[in-house]
Amino acid sequence: MNIVASEDNADMLENTIATCVCNEESLPLTSSLLANLLEFLKDDNLNILELKDFLLMDPSLCSQILKMANSAFYGARGEVTSIQRAIDILGIREVLSICLTIAIKQQFSPQKLAKSFEPDLFWKHSLLTAMIARDMATKYDSLICLDGIYLMGLLHDIGRITVATALPDLFDSVAAMSAITRLSLYENEIQQGCSHTELGFLLACKWSLPVHIALAIKYHHNPSASNSHKKELAIVHIADNISKTGEEAHILTHKTPLDESALELLGLTKEKHLKQYELAEKFRALVNSTWETLK
């Protein structure tokens, strides 16, 4: 099933987005923390000492990393009191993932969110999608950058929280429609004339995010519409679909139709795709532990 906006809705979408573009305050600026972390991700030779020095400059970030290392999930022997040991326990990639989640979370004020927006549900879904996407990448394309695909998964729905912050009344209206129609938020957004994928793409441009991340934000519901990064987008699309199960099965995470060309691109049969749902359960405990520590 393809979602196509009518001409009237397309005009509404353009006008709504144009309003957000003109009002710079409606779209958050990137923080220095997020900008620095994005630079770190570009460094293929990042070492523990560089990461440690970076963390020690931010006491709040240090505190969160230590909390995570001391969480029951990781089962550290004795209290973890040093950043060095925390990095040893968690690993560089996991520390960067935690830092990115914190930095992105700080970009959006909870006081400005739409009434029907549920931050816990949103961030758990984002984390789960990121973890599933990274795991899938190790199986289906060894050339894909794991940090890059993780960030694509983590940020794929950033437009959702952007709509909830910049256009709270619209978000509440779409959520109310979804409760009645049982369609996904995305399908109802199109009918209302404002897509979180388009608004999220604008935010990605404003933050100067890498192209592959911006494309994941714009095309995670219809990866076949993109002209590049097709395998990465297929993985994020499938990971997004898989993560909308179990605890994450909720009005705000109703599934959009699966783009079957994404399965074909990765060589996945429908039977193999169904087995991928085990990944949601595999990572759910880590997602819950991560979010309980960070929120």
C-alpha atoms as a PDB file:
ATOM      1  CA  MET A   1       0.000   0.000   0.000  1.00  0.00           C
ATOM      2  CA  ASN A   2       1.451   3.336  -1.017  1.00  0.00           C
ATOM      3  CA  ILE A   3       0.487   6.552   0.707  1.00  0.00           C
ATOM      4  CA  VAL A   4      -0.064   9.367  -1.754  1.00  0.00           C
ATOM      5  CA  ALA A   5      -1.107  12.844  -0.721  1.00  0.00           C
ATOM      6  CA  SER A   6      -3.842  14.546  -2.705  1.00  0.00           C
ATOM      7  CA  GLU A   7      -3.103  17.902  -4.339  1.00  0.00           C
ATOM      8  CA  ASP A   8      -5.012  19.692  -1.571  1.00  0.00           C
ATOM      9  CA  ASN A   9      -3.109  17.848   1.159  1.00  0.00           C
ATOM     10  CA  ALA A  10       0.162  18.444  -0.647  1.00  0.00           C
ATOM     11  CA  ASP A  11      -0.559  22.192  -0.605  1.00  0.00           C
ATOM     12  CA  MET A  12      -1.436  22.002   3.100  1.00  0.00           C
ATOM     13  CA  LEU A  13       1.792  20.118   3.772  1.00  0.00           C
ATOM     14  CA  GLU A  14       3.856  22.693   1.914  1.00  0.00           C
ATOM     15  CA  ASN A  15       2.178  25.593   3.722  1.00  0.00           C
ATOM     16  CA  THR A  16       2.529  23.985   7.160  1.00  0.00           C
ATOM     17  CA  ILE A  17       6.181  23.185   6.649  1.00  0.00           C
ATOM     18  CA  ALA A  18       6.818  26.647   5.200  1.00  0.00           C
ATOM     19  CA  THR A  19       5.401  28.137   8.403  1.00  0.00           C
ATOM     20  CA  CYS A  20       7.871  26.093  10.460  1.00  0.00           C
ATOM     21  CA  VAL A  21      10.755  27.102   8.229  1.00  0.00           C
ATOM     22  CA  CYS A  22       9.922  30.779   8.545  1.00  0.00           C
ATOM     23  CA  ASN A  23       9.648  30.482  12.313  1.00  0.00           C
ATOM     24  CA  GLU A  24      13.210  29.500  13.214  1.00  0.00           C
ATOM     25  CA  GLU A  25      12.330  29.130  16.894  1.00  0.00           C
ATOM     26  CA  SER A  26       9.988  26.233  16.089  1.00  0.00           C
ATOM     27  CA  LEU A  27      12.912  24.016  15.055  1.00  0.00           C
ATOM     28  CA  PRO A  28      15.604  23.426  17.716  1.00  0.00           C
ATOM     29  CA  LEU A  29      19.198  24.415  17.111  1.00  0.00           C
ATOM     30  CA  THR A  30      21.868  21.745  17.367  1.00  0.00           C
ATOM     31  CA  SER A  31      23.745  21.864  20.661  1.00  0.00           C
ATOM     32  CA  SER A  32      27.532  21.977  20.943  1.00  0.00           C
ATOM     33  CA  LEU A  33      27.382  18.542  22.615  1.00  0.00           C
ATOM     34  CA  LEU A  34      25.537  16.985  19.686  1.00  0.00           C
ATOM     35  CA  ALA A  35      27.800  18.718  17.163  1.00  0.00           C
ATOM     36  CA  ASN A  36      30.911  17.394  18.935  1.00  0.00           C
ATOM     37  CA  LEU A  37      29.522  13.868  19.113  1.00  0.00           C
ATOM     38  CA  LEU A  38      28.733  13.896  15.401  1.00  0.00           C
ATOM     39  CA  GLU A  39      32.340  14.889  14.758  1.00  0.00           C
ATOM     40  CA  PHE A  40      33.500  11.984  16.928  1.00  0.00           C
ATOM     41  CA  LEU A  41      31.500   9.579  14.774  1.00  0.00           C
ATOM     42  CA  LYS A  42      33.420  10.723  11.704  1.00  0.00           C
ATOM     43  CA  ASP A  43      36.713   9.697  13.336  1.00  0.00           C
ATOM     44  CA  ASP A  44      37.537   6.111  12.361  1.00  0.00           C
ATOM     45  CA  ASN A  45      40.529   6.160  14.695  1.00  0.00           C
ATOM     46  CA  LEU A  46      38.782   7.365  17.838  1.00  0.00           C
ATOM     47  CA  ASN A  47      40.468   5.913  20.928  1.00  0.00           C
ATOM     48  CA  ILE A  48      39.492   5.503  24.549  1.00  0.00           C
ATOM     49  CA  LEU A  49      41.720   8.333  25.813  1.00  0.00           C
ATOM     50  CA  GLU A  50      40.108  10.859  23.447  1.00  0.00           C
ATOM     51  CA  LEU A  51      36.632   9.742  24.487  1.00  0.00           C
ATOM     52  CA  LYS A  52      37.595   9.819  28.170  1.00  0.00           C
ATOM     53  CA  ASP A  53      38.968  13.376  27.901  1.00  0.00           C
ATOM     54  CA  PHE A  54      35.805  14.481  26.097  1.00  0.00           C
ATOM     55  CA  LEU A  55      33.536  12.985  28.765  1.00  0.00           C
ATOM     56  CA  LEU A  56      35.520  14.476  31.653  1.00  0.00           C
ATOM     57  CA  MET A  57      34.713  17.935  30.279  1.00  0.00           C
ATOM     58  CA  ASP A  58      31.000  17.309  30.896  1.00  0.00           C
ATOM     59  CA  PRO A  59      30.183  16.279  34.514  1.00  0.00           C
ATOM     60  CA  SER A  60      26.531  15.628  33.679  1.00  0.00           C
ATOM     61  CA  LEU A  61      27.467  13.263  30.865  1.00  0.00           C
ATOM     62  CA  CYS A  62      29.993  11.515  33.122  1.00  0.00           C
ATOM     63  CA  SER A  63      27.293  10.986  35.719  1.00  0.00           C
ATOM     64  CA  GLN A  64      24.960   9.353  33.187  1.00  0.00           C
ATOM     65  CA  ILE A  65      27.668   7.069  31.839  1.00  0.00           C
ATOM     66  CA  LEU A  66      28.597   5.963  35.364  1.00  0.00           C
ATOM     67  CA  LYS A  67      24.928   5.309  36.146  1.00  0.00           C
ATOM     68  CA  MET A  68      24.663   3.117  33.066  1.00  0.00           C
ATOM     69  CA  ALA A  69      27.848   1.179  33.897  1.00  0.00           C
ATOM     70  CA  ASN A  70      26.489   0.574  37.425  1.00  0.00           C
ATOM     71  CA  SER A  71      23.057  -0.573  36.213  1.00  0.00           C
ATOM     72  CA  ALA A  72      22.024  -4.139  36.991  1.00  0.00           C
ATOM     73  CA  PHE A  73      21.938  -5.009  33.295  1.00  0.00           C
ATOM     74  CA  TYR A  74      25.728  -4.885  32.957  1.00  0.00           C
ATOM     75  CA  GLY A  75      26.385  -6.667  36.226  1.00  0.00           C
ATOM     76  CA  ALA A  76      29.682  -4.938  37.032  1.00  0.00           C
ATOM     77  CA  ARG A  77      31.625  -6.328  39.982  1.00  0.00           C
ATOM     78  CA  GLY A  78      31.817  -3.598  42.574  1.00  0.00           C
ATOM     79  CA  GLU A  79      30.846   0.033  42.134  1.00  0.00           C
ATOM     80  CA  VAL A  80      32.088   1.686  38.948  1.00  0.00           C
ATOM     81  CA  THR A  81      33.523   5.060  39.954  1.00  0.00           C
ATOM     82  CA  SER A  82      35.837   5.977  37.069  1.00  0.00           C
ATOM     83  CA  ILE A  83      35.030   6.917  33.493  1.00  0.00           C
ATOM     84  CA  GLN A  84      37.895   4.734  32.283  1.00  0.00           C
ATOM     85  CA  ARG A  85      36.344   1.627  33.853  1.00  0.00           C
ATOM     86  CA  ALA A  86      32.875   2.616  32.609  1.00  0.00           C
ATOM     87  CA  ILE A  87      34.190   2.767  29.045  1.00  0.00           C
ATOM     88  CA  ASP A  88      35.920  -0.605  29.538  1.00  0.00           C
ATOM     89  CA  ILE A  89      32.620  -2.157  30.681  1.00  0.00           C
ATOM     90  CA  LEU A  90      30.320  -0.531  28.144  1.00  0.00           C
ATOM     91  CA  GLY A  91      32.651  -0.245  25.153  1.00  0.00           C
ATOM     92  CA  ILE A  92      33.334   2.836  23.006  1.00  0.00           C
ATOM     93  CA  ARG A  93      30.386   2.237  20.682  1.00  0.00           C
ATOM     94  CA  GLU A  94      27.889   1.856  23.522  1.00  0.00           C
ATOM     95  CA  VAL A  95      29.209   4.949  25.315  1.00  0.00           C
ATOM     96  CA  LEU A  96      28.850   6.995  22.137  1.00  0.00           C
ATOM     97  CA  SER A  97      25.325   5.629  21.655  1.00  0.00           C
ATOM     98  CA  ILE A  98      24.365   6.656  25.193  1.00  0.00           C
ATOM     99  CA  CYS A  99      25.887  10.113  24.728  1.00  0.00           C
ATOM    100  CA  LEU A 100      24.030  10.617  21.458  1.00  0.00           C
ATOM    101  CA  THR A 101      20.731   9.641  23.040  1.00  0.00           C
ATOM    102  CA  ILE A 102      21.319  12.114  25.879  1.00  0.00           C
ATOM    103  CA  ALA A 103      22.339  14.901  23.489  1.00  0.00           C
ATOM    104  CA  ILE A 104      19.326  14.438  21.207  1.00  0.00           C
ATOM    105  CA  LYS A 105      16.945  14.128  24.165  1.00  0.00           C
ATOM    106  CA  GLN A 106      18.212  17.464  25.503  1.00  0.00           C
ATOM    107  CA  GLN A 107      17.260  19.187  22.244  1.00  0.00           C
ATOM    108  CA  PHE A 108      13.533  18.986  22.992  1.00  0.00           C
ATOM    109  CA  SER A 109      11.847  20.624  25.961  1.00  0.00           C
ATOM    110  CA  PRO A 110       9.273  18.300  27.616  1.00  0.00           C
ATOM    111  CA  GLN A 111       7.232  21.369  28.581  1.00  0.00           C
ATOM    112  CA  LYS A 112       6.529  22.139  24.901  1.00  0.00           C
ATOM    113  CA  LEU A 113       5.396  18.676  23.839  1.00  0.00           C
ATOM    114  CA  ALA A 114       1.885  17.850  22.653  1.00  0.00           C
ATOM    115  CA  LYS A 115      -0.372  16.411  25.341  1.00  0.00           C
ATOM    116  CA  SER A 116      -0.754  13.062  23.578  1.00  0.00           C
ATOM    117  CA  PHE A 117       2.969  12.625  22.922  1.00  0.00           C
ATOM    118  CA  GLU A 118       4.575   9.972  25.130  1.00  0.00           C
ATOM    119  CA  PRO A 119       8.337  10.556  25.521  1.00  0.00           C
ATOM    120  CA  ASP A 120       9.035   7.152  27.106  1.00  0.00           C
ATOM    121  CA  LEU A 121       7.366   5.332  24.232  1.00  0.00           C
ATOM    122  CA  PHE A 122       9.116   7.492  21.623  1.00  0.00           C
ATOM    123  CA  TRP A 123      12.636   7.040  22.996  1.00  0.00           C
ATOM    124  CA  LYS A 124      12.233   3.321  23.641  1.00  0.00           C
ATOM    125  CA  HIS A 125      11.054   2.858  20.062  1.00  0.00           C
ATOM    126  CA  SER A 126      13.975   4.922  18.746  1.00  0.00           C
ATOM    127  CA  LEU A 127      16.535   2.987  20.804  1.00  0.00           C
ATOM    128  CA  LEU A 128      15.058  -0.368  19.840  1.00  0.00           C
ATOM    129  CA  THR A 129      15.023   0.534  16.141  1.00  0.00           C
ATOM    130  CA  ALA A 130      18.664   1.624  16.360  1.00  0.00           C
ATOM    131  CA  MET A 131      19.767  -1.600  18.077  1.00  0.00           C
ATOM    132  CA  ILE A 132      17.868  -3.836  15.656  1.00  0.00           C
ATOM    133  CA  ALA A 133      19.211  -1.907  12.652  1.00  0.00           C
ATOM    134  CA  ARG A 134      22.806  -2.229  13.885  1.00  0.00           C
ATOM    135  CA  ASP A 135      22.366  -5.958  14.472  1.00  0.00           C
ATOM    136  CA  MET A 136      20.796  -6.487  11.035  1.00  0.00           C
ATOM    137  CA  ALA A 137      23.650  -4.605   9.368  1.00  0.00           C
ATOM    138  CA  THR A 138      26.180  -7.080  10.762  1.00  0.00           C
ATOM    139  CA  LYS A 139      24.234  -9.904   9.090  1.00  0.00           C
ATOM    140  CA  TYR A 140      23.245  -8.439   5.743  1.00  0.00           C
ATOM    141  CA  ASP A 141      26.015  -6.044   4.728  1.00  0.00           C
ATOM    142  CA  SER A 142      29.427  -6.062   6.389  1.00  0.00           C
ATOM    143  CA  LEU A 143      30.367  -2.835   4.568  1.00  0.00           C
ATOM    144  CA  ILE A 144      27.757  -0.735   6.361  1.00  0.00           C
ATOM    145  CA  CYS A 145      29.146   1.536   9.096  1.00  0.00           C
ATOM    146  CA  LEU A 146      27.616   0.262  12.344  1.00  0.00           C
ATOM    147  CA  ASP A 147      27.753   3.631  14.088  1.00  0.00           C
ATOM    148  CA  GLY A 148      26.111   5.218  11.043  1.00  0.00           C
ATOM    149  CA  ILE A 149      23.257   2.714  10.837  1.00  0.00           C
ATOM    150  CA  TYR A 150      22.707   3.011  14.609  1.00  0.00           C
ATOM    151  CA  LEU A 151      22.332   6.757  14.314  1.00  0.00           C
ATOM    152  CA  MET A 152      19.991   6.347  11.327  1.00  0.00           C
ATOM    153  CA  GLY A 153      17.793   4.146  13.502  1.00  0.00           C
ATOM    154  CA  LEU A 154      18.008   6.416  16.533  1.00  0.00           C
ATOM    155  CA  LEU A 155      17.061   9.522  14.559  1.00  0.00           C
ATOM    156  CA  HIS A 156      14.657   8.074  11.998  1.00  0.00           C
ATOM    157  CA  ASP A 157      11.596   9.391  13.859  1.00  0.00           C
ATOM    158  CA  ILE A 158      13.078  12.721  14.971  1.00  0.00           C
ATOM    159  CA  GLY A 159      10.390  14.429  12.896  1.00  0.00           C
ATOM    160  CA  ARG A 160       7.787  12.900  15.188  1.00  0.00           C
ATOM    161  CA  ILE A 161       9.020  14.747  18.272  1.00  0.00           C
ATOM    162  CA  THR A 162       9.610  17.824  16.104  1.00  0.00           C
ATOM    163  CA  VAL A 163       5.924  17.880  15.131  1.00  0.00           C
ATOM    164  CA  ALA A 164       4.953  17.288  18.772  1.00  0.00           C
ATOM    165  CA  THR A 165       7.082  20.285  19.793  1.00  0.00           C
ATOM    166  CA  ALA A 166       6.620  22.724  16.904  1.00  0.00           C
ATOM    167  CA  LEU A 167       2.996  21.825  16.037  1.00  0.00           C
ATOM    168  CA  PRO A 168       1.486  20.306  19.210  1.00  0.00           C
ATOM    169  CA  ASP A 169      -2.145  20.907  18.230  1.00  0.00           C
ATOM    170  CA  LEU A 170      -1.618  19.171  14.909  1.00  0.00           C
ATOM    171  CA  PHE A 171       0.080  16.243  16.635  1.00  0.00           C
ATOM    172  CA  ASP A 172      -2.841  15.856  19.062  1.00  0.00           C
ATOM    173  CA  SER A 173      -5.306  16.023  16.178  1.00  0.00           C
ATOM    174  CA  VAL A 174      -3.463  13.302  14.251  1.00  0.00           C
ATOM    175  CA  ALA A 175      -3.207  11.104  17.378  1.00  0.00           C
ATOM    176  CA  ALA A 176      -6.948  11.447  17.922  1.00  0.00           C
ATOM    177  CA  MET A 177      -7.565  10.413  14.314  1.00  0.00           C
ATOM    178  CA  SER A 178      -5.339   7.363  14.726  1.00  0.00           C
ATOM    179  CA  ALA A 179      -7.321   6.249  17.772  1.00  0.00           C
ATOM    180  CA  ILE A 180     -10.455   6.227  15.625  1.00  0.00           C
ATOM    181  CA  THR A 181      -9.160   5.040  12.250  1.00  0.00           C
ATOM    182  CA  ARG A 182      -6.509   2.590  13.570  1.00  0.00           C
ATOM    183  CA  LEU A 183      -4.265   3.873  10.797  1.00  0.00           C
ATOM    184  CA  SER A 184      -0.677   4.839  11.550  1.00  0.00           C
ATOM    185  CA  LEU A 185       0.211   8.379  12.549  1.00  0.00           C
ATOM    186  CA  TYR A 186       2.043   8.735   9.242  1.00  0.00           C
ATOM    187  CA  GLU A 187      -1.045   7.866   7.192  1.00  0.00           C
ATOM    188  CA  ASN A 188      -3.173  10.287   9.187  1.00  0.00           C
ATOM    189  CA  GLU A 189      -0.496  12.983   8.968  1.00  0.00           C
ATOM    190  CA  ILE A 190      -0.700  12.823   5.190  1.00  0.00           C
ATOM    191  CA  GLN A 191      -4.459  13.305   5.407  1.00  0.00           C
ATOM    192  CA  GLN A 192      -3.970  16.285   7.729  1.00  0.00           C
ATOM    193  CA  GLY A 193      -1.311  17.760   5.460  1.00  0.00           C
ATOM    194  CA  CYS A 194       1.915  17.532   7.503  1.00  0.00           C
ATOM    195  CA  SER A 195       4.332  14.615   7.501  1.00  0.00           C
ATOM    196  CA  HIS A 196       6.845  14.025  10.295  1.00  0.00           C
ATOM    197  CA  THR A 197       9.230  12.696   7.652  1.00  0.00           C
ATOM    198  CA  GLU A 198       9.307  16.020   5.807  1.00  0.00           C
ATOM    199  CA  LEU A 199       9.575  18.133   8.944  1.00  0.00           C
ATOM    200  CA  GLY A 200      12.268  15.828  10.300  1.00  0.00           C
ATOM    201  CA  PHE A 201      14.179  16.161   7.032  1.00  0.00           C
ATOM    202  CA  LEU A 202      14.098  19.945   7.408  1.00  0.00           C
ATOM    203  CA  LEU A 203      15.515  19.603  10.916  1.00  0.00           C
ATOM    204  CA  ALA A 204      18.255  17.307   9.604  1.00  0.00           C
ATOM    205  CA  CYS A 205      19.200  19.966   7.067  1.00  0.00           C
ATOM    206  CA  LYS A 206      19.199  22.663   9.749  1.00  0.00           C
ATOM    207  CA  TRP A 207      21.468  20.515  11.936  1.00  0.00           C
ATOM    208  CA  SER A 208      23.692  19.696   8.931  1.00  0.00           C
ATOM    209  CA  LEU A 209      23.343  15.979   9.602  1.00  0.00           C
ATOM    210  CA  PRO A 210      25.102  13.564   7.222  1.00  0.00           C
ATOM    211  CA  VAL A 211      23.155  12.722   4.064  1.00  0.00           C
ATOM    212  CA  HIS A 212      22.501   9.075   4.985  1.00  0.00           C
ATOM    213  CA  ILE A 213      20.879  10.124   8.277  1.00  0.00           C
ATOM    214  CA  ALA A 214      18.750  12.799   6.610  1.00  0.00           C
ATOM    215  CA  LEU A 215      17.565  10.214   4.073  1.00  0.00           C
ATOM    216  CA  ALA A 216      16.638   7.762   6.844  1.00  0.00           C
ATOM    217  CA  ILE A 217      14.501  10.473   8.427  1.00  0.00           C
ATOM    218  CA  LYS A 218      12.791  11.254   5.122  1.00  0.00           C
ATOM    219  CA  TYR A 219      12.390   7.765   3.645  1.00  0.00           C
ATOM    220  CA  HIS A 220      12.085   5.309   6.527  1.00  0.00           C
ATOM    221  CA  HIS A 221       8.465   4.618   5.577  1.00  0.00           C
ATOM    222  CA  ASN A 222       9.153   4.267   1.838  1.00  0.00           C
ATOM    223  CA  PRO A 223      12.841   3.421   1.315  1.00  0.00           C
ATOM    224  CA  SER A 224      12.359   2.506  -2.341  1.00  0.00           C
ATOM    225  CA  ALA A 225      11.640   6.189  -3.082  1.00  0.00           C
ATOM    226  CA  SER A 226      15.261   7.133  -2.355  1.00  0.00           C
ATOM    227  CA  ASN A 227      17.900   7.130  -5.077  1.00  0.00           C
ATOM    228  CA  SER A 228      20.798   6.283  -2.764  1.00  0.00           C
ATOM    229  CA  HIS A 229      21.755   4.426   0.448  1.00  0.00           C
ATOM    230  CA  LYS A 230      19.090   1.878  -0.408  1.00  0.00           C
ATOM    231  CA  LYS A 231      20.412  -0.997   1.716  1.00  0.00           C
ATOM    232  CA  GLU A 232      20.781   1.144   4.823  1.00  0.00           C
ATOM    233  CA  LEU A 233      17.288   2.566   4.318  1.00  0.00           C
ATOM    234  CA  ALA A 234      15.858  -0.918   3.791  1.00  0.00           C
ATOM    235  CA  ILE A 235      17.402  -2.034   7.092  1.00  0.00           C
ATOM    236  CA  VAL A 236      16.064   0.992   8.999  1.00  0.00           C
ATOM    237  CA  HIS A 237      12.608   0.509   7.438  1.00  0.00           C
ATOM    238  CA  ILE A 238      12.473  -3.144   8.499  1.00  0.00           C
ATOM    239  CA  ALA A 239      13.923  -2.383  11.961  1.00  0.00           C
ATOM    240  CA  ASP A 240      11.283   0.323  12.451  1.00  0.00           C
ATOM    241  CA  ASN A 241       8.587  -2.165  11.473  1.00  0.00           C
ATOM    242  CA  ILE A 242       9.940  -4.886  13.767  1.00  0.00           C
ATOM    243  CA  SER A 243      10.238  -2.578  16.772  1.00  0.00           C
ATOM    244  CA  LYS A 244       6.523  -1.783  16.698  1.00  0.00           C
ATOM    245  CA  THR A 245       5.627  -4.960  18.557  1.00  0.00           C
ATOM    246  CA  GLY A 246       5.069  -6.033  22.139  1.00  0.00           C
ATOM    247  CA  GLU A 247       5.414  -3.152  24.582  1.00  0.00           C
ATOM    248  CA  GLU A 248       5.873  -0.741  21.691  1.00  0.00           C
ATOM    249  CA  ALA A 249       2.573  -1.789  20.034  1.00  0.00           C
ATOM    250  CA  HIS A 250       0.569   1.340  20.787  1.00  0.00           C
ATOM    251  CA  ILE A 251      -1.539   3.954  19.044  1.00  0.00           C
ATOM    252  CA  LEU A 252       1.574   6.078  18.484  1.00  0.00           C
ATOM    253  CA  THR A 253       3.420   3.182  16.885  1.00  0.00           C
ATOM    254  CA  HIS A 254       0.771   1.660  14.624  1.00  0.00           C
ATOM    255  CA  LYS A 255       2.622   0.048  11.760  1.00  0.00           C
ATOM    256  CA  THR A 256       2.750   1.571   8.330  1.00  0.00           C
ATOM    257  CA  PRO A 257       2.666  -0.962   5.467  1.00  0.00           C
ATOM    258  CA  LEU A 258       5.923  -2.852   4.921  1.00  0.00           C
ATOM    259  CA  ASP A 259       7.766  -1.945   1.719  1.00  0.00           C
ATOM    260  CA  GLU A 260       8.382  -5.451   0.384  1.00  0.00           C
ATOM    261  CA  SER A 261      11.100  -4.195  -1.957  1.00  0.00           C
ATOM    262  CA  ALA A 262      13.181  -3.689   1.210  1.00  0.00           C
ATOM    263  CA  LEU A 263      12.984  -7.422   1.895  1.00  0.00           C
ATOM    264  CA  GLU A 264      13.976  -8.202  -1.689  1.00  0.00           C
ATOM    265  CA  LEU A 265      16.951  -5.861  -1.504  1.00  0.00           C
ATOM    266  CA  LEU A 266      18.312  -7.715   1.531  1.00  0.00           C
ATOM    267  CA  GLY A 267      17.411 -11.137   0.158  1.00  0.00           C
ATOM    268  CA  LEU A 268      14.878 -11.764   2.919  1.00  0.00           C
ATOM    269  CA  THR A 269      11.928 -14.068   2.374  1.00  0.00           C
ATOM    270  CA  LYS A 270       8.771 -13.393   4.363  1.00  0.00           C
ATOM    271  CA  GLU A 271       9.628 -16.387   6.549  1.00  0.00           C
ATOM    272  CA  LYS A 272      13.081 -15.009   7.334  1.00  0.00           C
ATOM    273  CA  HIS A 273      11.539 -11.596   7.954  1.00  0.00           C
ATOM    274  CA  LEU A 274       9.211 -13.048  10.581  1.00  0.00           C
ATOM    275  CA  LYS A 275      12.216 -14.507  12.397  1.00  0.00           C
ATOM    276  CA  GLN A 276      13.650 -11.003  12.641  1.00  0.00           C
ATOM    277  CA  TYR A 277      10.949 -10.198  15.193  1.00  0.00           C
ATOM    278  CA  GLU A 278      12.958 -12.180  17.716  1.00  0.00           C
ATOM    279  CA  LEU A 279      15.379  -9.241  17.661  1.00  0.00           C
ATOM    280  CA  ALA A 280      12.797  -7.042  19.370  1.00  0.00           C
ATOM    281  CA  GLU A 281      12.777  -9.386  22.356  1.00  0.00           C
ATOM    282  CA  LYS A 282      16.557  -9.785  22.246  1.00  0.00           C
ATOM    283  CA  PHE A 283      17.149  -6.073  22.777  1.00  0.00           C
ATOM    284  CA  ARG A 284      14.106  -5.099  24.833  1.00  0.00           C
ATOM    285  CA  ALA A 285      15.816  -5.607  28.203  1.00  0.00           C
ATOM    286  CA  LEU A 286      18.757  -3.443  27.132  1.00  0.00           C
ATOM    287  CA  VAL A 287      16.399  -0.740  25.830  1.00  0.00           C
ATOM    288  CA  ASN A 288      14.433  -0.686  29.082  1.00  0.00           C
ATOM    289  CA  SER A 289      17.598  -0.585  31.178  1.00  0.00           C
ATOM    290  CA  THR A 290      19.092   2.181  29.040  1.00  0.00           C
ATOM    291  CA  TRP A 291      15.999   4.328  29.122  1.00  0.00           C
ATOM    292  CA  GLU A 292      15.340   3.903  32.864  1.00  0.00           C
ATOM    293  CA  THR A 293      18.893   5.094  33.491  1.00  0.00           C
ATOM    294  CA  LEU A 294      18.767   8.034  31.091  1.00  0.00           C
ATOM    295  CA  LYS A 295      15.300   9.490  31.593  1.00  0.00           C
END
